[in-house]
């Protein structure tokens, strides 16, 4: 890329029409990026079109609605699990038997009378 690559009046008119949120700061970022890229990657057939693509992408980033973020899932802590086990132990009328499956407790739905029947 030539170090003195500057937008022509035609390029500026194109940007006002197609990338209105872009300005000289975006052009400077374009220049800094491409002047720092070494070798074959920095060789382009048409720098004006490369510039237009850059400006179009920058404009689209600004014009796009923000991506909604999912609320983080609440993780069960060891304290939560222990408190749950203690609450079950405090309830002698519980009718579910707890079994260890992997690292999680789950209820089997069977009656507990101390004999497993």
N, C-alpha and C. Protein backbone atom coordinates (compact mmCIF):
# COMPACT_ATOMS: atom_id res chain seq x y z
N UNK A 1 0.85 -1.17 0.00
CA UNK A 1 0.00 0.00 0.00
C UNK A 1 0.89 1.24 0.00
N UNK A 2 0.54 2.19 -0.79
CA UNK A 2 1.33 3.43 -0.77
C UNK A 2 1.12 4.17 0.56
N UNK A 3 2.19 4.68 1.12
CA UNK A 3 2.11 5.37 2.42
C UNK A 3 1.29 6.66 2.34
N UNK A 4 1.16 7.20 1.14
CA UNK A 4 0.41 8.45 0.98
C UNK A 4 -1.02 8.21 0.47
N UNK A 5 -1.54 6.99 0.65
CA UNK A 5 -2.89 6.66 0.21
C UNK A 5 -3.89 7.51 0.99
N UNK A 6 -4.59 8.37 0.29
CA UNK A 6 -5.60 9.24 0.91
C UNK A 6 -6.90 9.13 0.15
N UNK A 7 -8.00 9.33 0.84
CA UNK A 7 -9.29 9.25 0.16
C UNK A 7 -9.46 10.39 -0.85
N UNK A 8 -9.88 10.03 -2.03
CA UNK A 8 -10.18 11.03 -3.05
C UNK A 8 -11.56 11.62 -2.76
N UNK A 9 -11.91 12.68 -3.48
CA UNK A 9 -13.24 13.27 -3.31
C UNK A 9 -14.32 12.24 -3.66
N UNK A 10 -14.05 11.41 -4.66
CA UNK A 10 -15.01 10.37 -5.04
C UNK A 10 -15.18 9.34 -3.91
N UNK A 11 -14.07 8.97 -3.26
CA UNK A 11 -14.14 8.02 -2.14
C UNK A 11 -14.89 8.63 -0.96
N UNK A 12 -14.66 9.90 -0.70
CA UNK A 12 -15.36 10.58 0.40
C UNK A 12 -16.86 10.64 0.12
N UNK A 13 -17.23 10.92 -1.11
CA UNK A 13 -18.64 10.96 -1.49
C UNK A 13 -19.27 9.58 -1.33
N UNK A 14 -18.54 8.55 -1.73
CA UNK A 14 -19.02 7.17 -1.57
C UNK A 14 -19.24 6.88 -0.07
N UNK A 15 -18.28 7.27 0.77
CA UNK A 15 -18.39 7.02 2.21
C UNK A 15 -19.58 7.76 2.82
N UNK A 16 -19.82 9.00 2.40
CA UNK A 16 -20.97 9.74 2.94
C UNK A 16 -22.28 9.02 2.62
N UNK A 17 -22.32 8.39 1.47
CA UNK A 17 -23.53 7.68 1.03
C UNK A 17 -23.63 6.27 1.63
N UNK A 18 -22.52 5.54 1.68
CA UNK A 18 -22.55 4.12 2.03
C UNK A 18 -22.02 3.78 3.43
N UNK A 19 -21.26 4.67 4.03
CA UNK A 19 -20.71 4.43 5.36
C UNK A 19 -20.70 5.74 6.14
N UNK A 20 -21.89 6.31 6.39
CA UNK A 20 -21.95 7.65 6.97
C UNK A 20 -21.40 7.77 8.40
N UNK A 21 -21.23 6.66 9.09
CA UNK A 21 -20.69 6.74 10.45
C UNK A 21 -19.15 6.73 10.45
N UNK A 22 -18.55 6.60 9.29
CA UNK A 22 -17.09 6.52 9.19
C UNK A 22 -16.49 7.89 8.86
N UNK A 23 -15.24 8.05 9.26
CA UNK A 23 -14.54 9.30 9.00
C UNK A 23 -13.04 9.07 8.91
N UNK A 24 -12.27 10.14 9.08
CA UNK A 24 -10.82 10.06 8.95
C UNK A 24 -10.20 9.11 9.98
N UNK A 25 -10.80 9.02 11.12
CA UNK A 25 -10.26 8.09 12.13
C UNK A 25 -10.29 6.65 11.61
N UNK A 26 -11.35 6.30 10.89
CA UNK A 26 -11.44 4.96 10.29
C UNK A 26 -10.41 4.79 9.18
N UNK A 27 -10.19 5.85 8.41
CA UNK A 27 -9.17 5.80 7.37
C UNK A 27 -7.79 5.60 8.00
N UNK A 28 -7.53 6.29 9.10
CA UNK A 28 -6.24 6.13 9.79
C UNK A 28 -6.06 4.71 10.32
N UNK A 29 -7.14 4.12 10.84
CA UNK A 29 -7.07 2.73 11.31
C UNK A 29 -6.79 1.79 10.14
N UNK A 30 -7.44 2.05 9.01
CA UNK A 30 -7.20 1.28 7.79
C UNK A 30 -5.73 1.35 7.38
N UNK A 31 -5.21 2.56 7.36
CA UNK A 31 -3.80 2.76 6.98
C UNK A 31 -2.86 2.05 7.96
N UNK A 32 -3.08 2.25 9.25
CA UNK A 32 -2.22 1.62 10.26
C UNK A 32 -2.24 0.10 10.13
N UNK A 33 -3.42 -0.44 9.91
CA UNK A 33 -3.54 -1.89 9.79
C UNK A 33 -2.76 -2.40 8.58
N UNK A 34 -3.07 -1.85 7.41
CA UNK A 34 -2.47 -2.41 6.19
C UNK A 34 -0.98 -2.09 6.05
N UNK A 35 -0.54 -0.98 6.61
CA UNK A 35 0.89 -0.69 6.55
C UNK A 35 1.69 -1.58 7.50
N UNK A 36 1.03 -2.16 8.47
CA UNK A 36 1.72 -3.03 9.41
C UNK A 36 1.69 -4.50 9.00
N UNK A 37 0.90 -4.85 7.99
CA UNK A 37 0.80 -6.25 7.55
C UNK A 37 1.98 -6.56 6.62
N UNK A 38 2.73 -7.62 6.93
CA UNK A 38 3.87 -7.95 6.09
C UNK A 38 3.51 -8.87 4.92
N UNK A 39 4.38 -8.89 3.95
CA UNK A 39 4.34 -9.89 2.88
C UNK A 39 3.16 -9.84 1.94
N UNK A 40 2.84 -11.02 1.42
CA UNK A 40 1.84 -11.15 0.37
C UNK A 40 0.44 -10.73 0.83
N UNK A 41 0.15 -10.90 2.10
CA UNK A 41 -1.18 -10.53 2.59
C UNK A 41 -1.45 -9.04 2.39
N UNK A 42 -0.40 -8.24 2.39
CA UNK A 42 -0.55 -6.79 2.27
C UNK A 42 -0.58 -6.32 0.81
N UNK A 43 -0.54 -7.25 -0.13
CA UNK A 43 -0.63 -6.87 -1.55
C UNK A 43 -2.06 -7.03 -2.02
N UNK A 44 -2.63 -5.95 -2.48
CA UNK A 44 -4.01 -5.96 -2.95
C UNK A 44 -4.05 -5.47 -4.39
N UNK A 45 -4.98 -6.00 -5.15
CA UNK A 45 -5.15 -5.60 -6.54
C UNK A 45 -5.77 -4.21 -6.63
N UNK A 46 -6.70 -3.93 -5.70
CA UNK A 46 -7.45 -2.68 -5.77
C UNK A 46 -7.60 -2.10 -4.36
N UNK A 47 -6.75 -1.13 -4.02
CA UNK A 47 -6.78 -0.54 -2.68
C UNK A 47 -8.05 0.26 -2.42
N UNK A 48 -8.62 0.84 -3.45
CA UNK A 48 -9.86 1.61 -3.26
C UNK A 48 -10.99 0.68 -2.83
N UNK A 49 -11.09 -0.47 -3.48
CA UNK A 49 -12.14 -1.43 -3.10
C UNK A 49 -11.86 -2.02 -1.71
N UNK A 50 -10.61 -2.25 -1.40
CA UNK A 50 -10.25 -2.73 -0.07
C UNK A 50 -10.67 -1.70 0.98
N UNK A 51 -10.42 -0.43 0.69
CA UNK A 51 -10.81 0.67 1.58
C UNK A 51 -12.33 0.72 1.74
N UNK A 52 -13.07 0.58 0.64
CA UNK A 52 -14.54 0.60 0.70
C UNK A 52 -15.06 -0.55 1.55
N UNK A 53 -14.49 -1.74 1.38
CA UNK A 53 -14.91 -2.88 2.20
C UNK A 53 -14.66 -2.61 3.68
N UNK A 54 -13.50 -2.01 4.00
CA UNK A 54 -13.16 -1.68 5.39
C UNK A 54 -14.19 -0.71 5.95
N UNK A 55 -14.47 0.34 5.22
CA UNK A 55 -15.41 1.37 5.69
C UNK A 55 -16.82 0.79 5.85
N UNK A 56 -17.22 -0.03 4.90
CA UNK A 56 -18.55 -0.65 4.95
C UNK A 56 -18.67 -1.53 6.21
N UNK A 57 -17.63 -2.34 6.49
CA UNK A 57 -17.65 -3.19 7.68
C UNK A 57 -17.69 -2.36 8.97
N UNK A 58 -16.88 -1.30 9.02
CA UNK A 58 -16.88 -0.45 10.21
C UNK A 58 -18.25 0.18 10.43
N UNK A 59 -18.84 0.65 9.35
CA UNK A 59 -20.18 1.25 9.45
C UNK A 59 -21.20 0.21 9.92
N UNK A 60 -21.15 -0.99 9.34
CA UNK A 60 -22.10 -2.04 9.71
C UNK A 60 -21.96 -2.44 11.18
N UNK A 61 -20.74 -2.43 11.69
CA UNK A 61 -20.53 -2.75 13.12
C UNK A 61 -21.25 -1.74 14.00
N UNK A 62 -21.17 -0.48 13.62
CA UNK A 62 -21.80 0.58 14.41
C UNK A 62 -23.31 0.59 14.25
N UNK A 63 -23.79 0.27 13.06
CA UNK A 63 -25.21 0.36 12.76
C UNK A 63 -25.99 -0.86 13.24
N UNK A 64 -25.30 -1.98 13.49
CA UNK A 64 -25.99 -3.21 13.89
C UNK A 64 -26.52 -3.07 15.32
N UNK A 65 -27.71 -3.62 15.57
CA UNK A 65 -28.22 -3.57 16.94
C UNK A 65 -27.32 -4.42 17.84
N UNK A 66 -27.23 -4.06 19.09
CA UNK A 66 -26.38 -4.84 19.98
C UNK A 66 -26.90 -6.27 20.13
N UNK A 67 -26.00 -7.20 20.23
CA UNK A 67 -26.37 -8.60 20.41
C UNK A 67 -26.84 -8.79 21.84
N UNK A 68 -28.05 -9.34 22.01
CA UNK A 68 -28.52 -9.55 23.38
C UNK A 68 -27.66 -10.61 24.07
N UNK A 69 -27.38 -10.37 25.32
CA UNK A 69 -26.59 -11.33 26.08
C UNK A 69 -27.52 -12.14 26.97
N UNK A 70 -27.22 -13.43 27.02
CA UNK A 70 -28.01 -14.30 27.88
C UNK A 70 -27.62 -14.05 29.33
N UNK A 71 -28.61 -14.15 30.19
CA UNK A 71 -28.32 -14.02 31.62
C UNK A 71 -27.48 -15.22 32.04
N UNK A 72 -26.48 -14.99 32.86
CA UNK A 72 -25.66 -16.12 33.29
C UNK A 72 -26.49 -17.11 34.10
N UNK A 73 -26.23 -18.39 33.88
CA UNK A 73 -26.94 -19.41 34.63
C UNK A 73 -26.38 -19.46 36.04
N UNK A 74 -27.29 -19.59 36.99
CA UNK A 74 -26.84 -19.67 38.37
C UNK A 74 -26.27 -21.06 38.61
N UNK A 75 -25.07 -21.10 39.15
CA UNK A 75 -24.42 -22.36 39.42
C UNK A 75 -24.72 -22.78 40.85
N UNK A 76 -24.93 -24.07 41.02
CA UNK A 76 -25.16 -24.60 42.35
C UNK A 76 -23.82 -24.75 43.04
N UNK A 77 -23.72 -24.18 44.22
CA UNK A 77 -22.47 -24.27 44.96
C UNK A 77 -22.51 -25.45 45.91
N UNK A 78 -21.38 -25.81 46.42
CA UNK A 78 -21.32 -26.89 47.41
C UNK A 78 -22.16 -26.54 48.63
N UNK A 79 -22.11 -25.28 49.01
CA UNK A 79 -22.90 -24.83 50.16
C UNK A 79 -24.39 -25.05 49.90
N UNK A 80 -24.84 -24.74 48.68
CA UNK A 80 -26.25 -24.95 48.33
C UNK A 80 -26.61 -26.44 48.44
N UNK A 81 -25.73 -27.31 47.96
CA UNK A 81 -25.99 -28.75 48.00
C UNK A 81 -26.05 -29.25 49.45
N UNK A 82 -25.08 -28.84 50.25
CA UNK A 82 -25.05 -29.26 51.66
C UNK A 82 -26.30 -28.77 52.38
N UNK A 83 -26.68 -27.53 52.16
CA UNK A 83 -27.90 -27.00 52.79
C UNK A 83 -29.13 -27.79 52.36
N UNK A 84 -29.17 -28.20 51.12
CA UNK A 84 -30.28 -29.03 50.64
C UNK A 84 -30.31 -30.39 51.32
N UNK A 85 -29.14 -30.99 51.48
CA UNK A 85 -29.05 -32.29 52.17
C UNK A 85 -29.47 -32.14 53.64
N UNK A 86 -29.01 -31.08 54.29
CA UNK A 86 -29.37 -30.85 55.69
C UNK A 86 -30.87 -30.64 55.84
N UNK A 87 -31.47 -29.93 54.91
CA UNK A 87 -32.92 -29.71 54.96
C UNK A 87 -33.65 -31.03 54.82
N UNK A 88 -33.17 -31.94 53.97
CA UNK A 88 -33.80 -33.25 53.83
C UNK A 88 -33.62 -34.08 55.10
N UNK A 89 -32.44 -33.98 55.71
CA UNK A 89 -32.17 -34.74 56.94
C UNK A 89 -33.04 -34.25 58.08
N UNK A 90 -33.39 -32.98 58.08
CA UNK A 90 -34.23 -32.41 59.13
C UNK A 90 -35.70 -32.79 58.97
N UNK A 91 -36.05 -33.41 57.85
CA UNK A 91 -37.44 -33.76 57.57
C UNK A 91 -37.58 -35.29 57.63
N UNK A 92 -37.90 -35.83 58.80
CA UNK A 92 -37.98 -37.28 58.93
C UNK A 92 -39.15 -37.91 58.20
N UNK A 93 -40.09 -37.13 57.69
CA UNK A 93 -41.22 -37.69 56.97
C UNK A 93 -40.99 -37.73 55.47
N UNK A 94 -39.78 -37.45 55.04
CA UNK A 94 -39.50 -37.47 53.61
C UNK A 94 -39.78 -38.86 53.07
N UNK A 95 -40.40 -38.92 51.91
CA UNK A 95 -40.74 -40.22 51.32
C UNK A 95 -39.84 -40.58 50.15
N UNK A 96 -38.88 -39.76 49.86
CA UNK A 96 -37.98 -40.05 48.75
C UNK A 96 -36.62 -40.51 49.27
N UNK A 97 -36.05 -41.49 48.61
CA UNK A 97 -34.72 -41.97 48.95
C UNK A 97 -33.74 -41.26 48.03
N UNK A 98 -32.65 -40.77 48.60
CA UNK A 98 -31.63 -40.10 47.81
C UNK A 98 -30.58 -41.11 47.40
N UNK A 99 -30.19 -41.07 46.14
CA UNK A 99 -29.13 -41.93 45.65
C UNK A 99 -28.07 -41.05 45.03
N UNK A 100 -26.84 -41.50 45.13
CA UNK A 100 -25.74 -40.76 44.53
C UNK A 100 -25.58 -41.25 43.10
N UNK A 101 -25.68 -40.33 42.16
CA UNK A 101 -25.48 -40.66 40.75
C UNK A 101 -24.47 -39.68 40.21
N UNK A 102 -23.26 -40.16 39.95
CA UNK A 102 -22.20 -39.26 39.54
C UNK A 102 -21.86 -38.37 40.72
N UNK A 103 -22.05 -37.07 40.56
CA UNK A 103 -21.77 -36.15 41.67
C UNK A 103 -23.04 -35.45 42.13
N UNK A 104 -24.20 -35.87 41.64
CA UNK A 104 -25.46 -35.21 41.98
C UNK A 104 -26.37 -36.17 42.73
N UNK A 105 -27.12 -35.65 43.67
CA UNK A 105 -28.15 -36.45 44.36
C UNK A 105 -29.44 -36.30 43.59
N UNK A 106 -30.18 -37.37 43.50
CA UNK A 106 -31.51 -37.26 42.91
C UNK A 106 -32.46 -38.17 43.69
N UNK A 107 -33.73 -37.89 43.55
CA UNK A 107 -34.71 -38.70 44.28
C UNK A 107 -35.17 -39.83 43.40
N UNK A 108 -35.43 -40.99 44.02
CA UNK A 108 -35.88 -42.15 43.28
C UNK A 108 -37.39 -42.30 43.31
N UNK A 109 -38.01 -41.63 44.27
CA UNK A 109 -39.46 -41.73 44.37
C UNK A 109 -39.90 -42.97 45.15
N UNK A 110 -38.99 -43.73 45.73
CA UNK A 110 -39.38 -44.90 46.49
C UNK A 110 -39.54 -44.54 47.96
N UNK A 111 -40.35 -45.29 48.63
CA UNK A 111 -40.62 -45.04 50.05
C UNK A 111 -39.43 -45.48 50.88
N UNK A 112 -39.21 -44.78 51.96
CA UNK A 112 -38.11 -45.15 52.84
C UNK A 112 -38.65 -45.51 54.23
N UNK A 113 -38.34 -46.72 54.65
CA UNK A 113 -38.73 -47.12 56.00
C UNK A 113 -37.54 -47.76 56.70
N UNK A 114 -36.37 -47.52 56.19
CA UNK A 114 -35.17 -48.10 56.78
C UNK A 114 -34.85 -49.47 56.24
N UNK A 115 -35.81 -50.13 55.54
CA UNK A 115 -35.59 -51.45 54.98
C UNK A 115 -35.51 -51.43 53.46
N UNK A 116 -35.68 -50.25 52.90
CA UNK A 116 -35.64 -50.13 51.43
C UNK A 116 -36.90 -50.64 50.78
N UNK A 117 -37.97 -50.86 51.54
CA UNK A 117 -39.22 -51.33 50.97
C UNK A 117 -40.31 -50.32 51.17
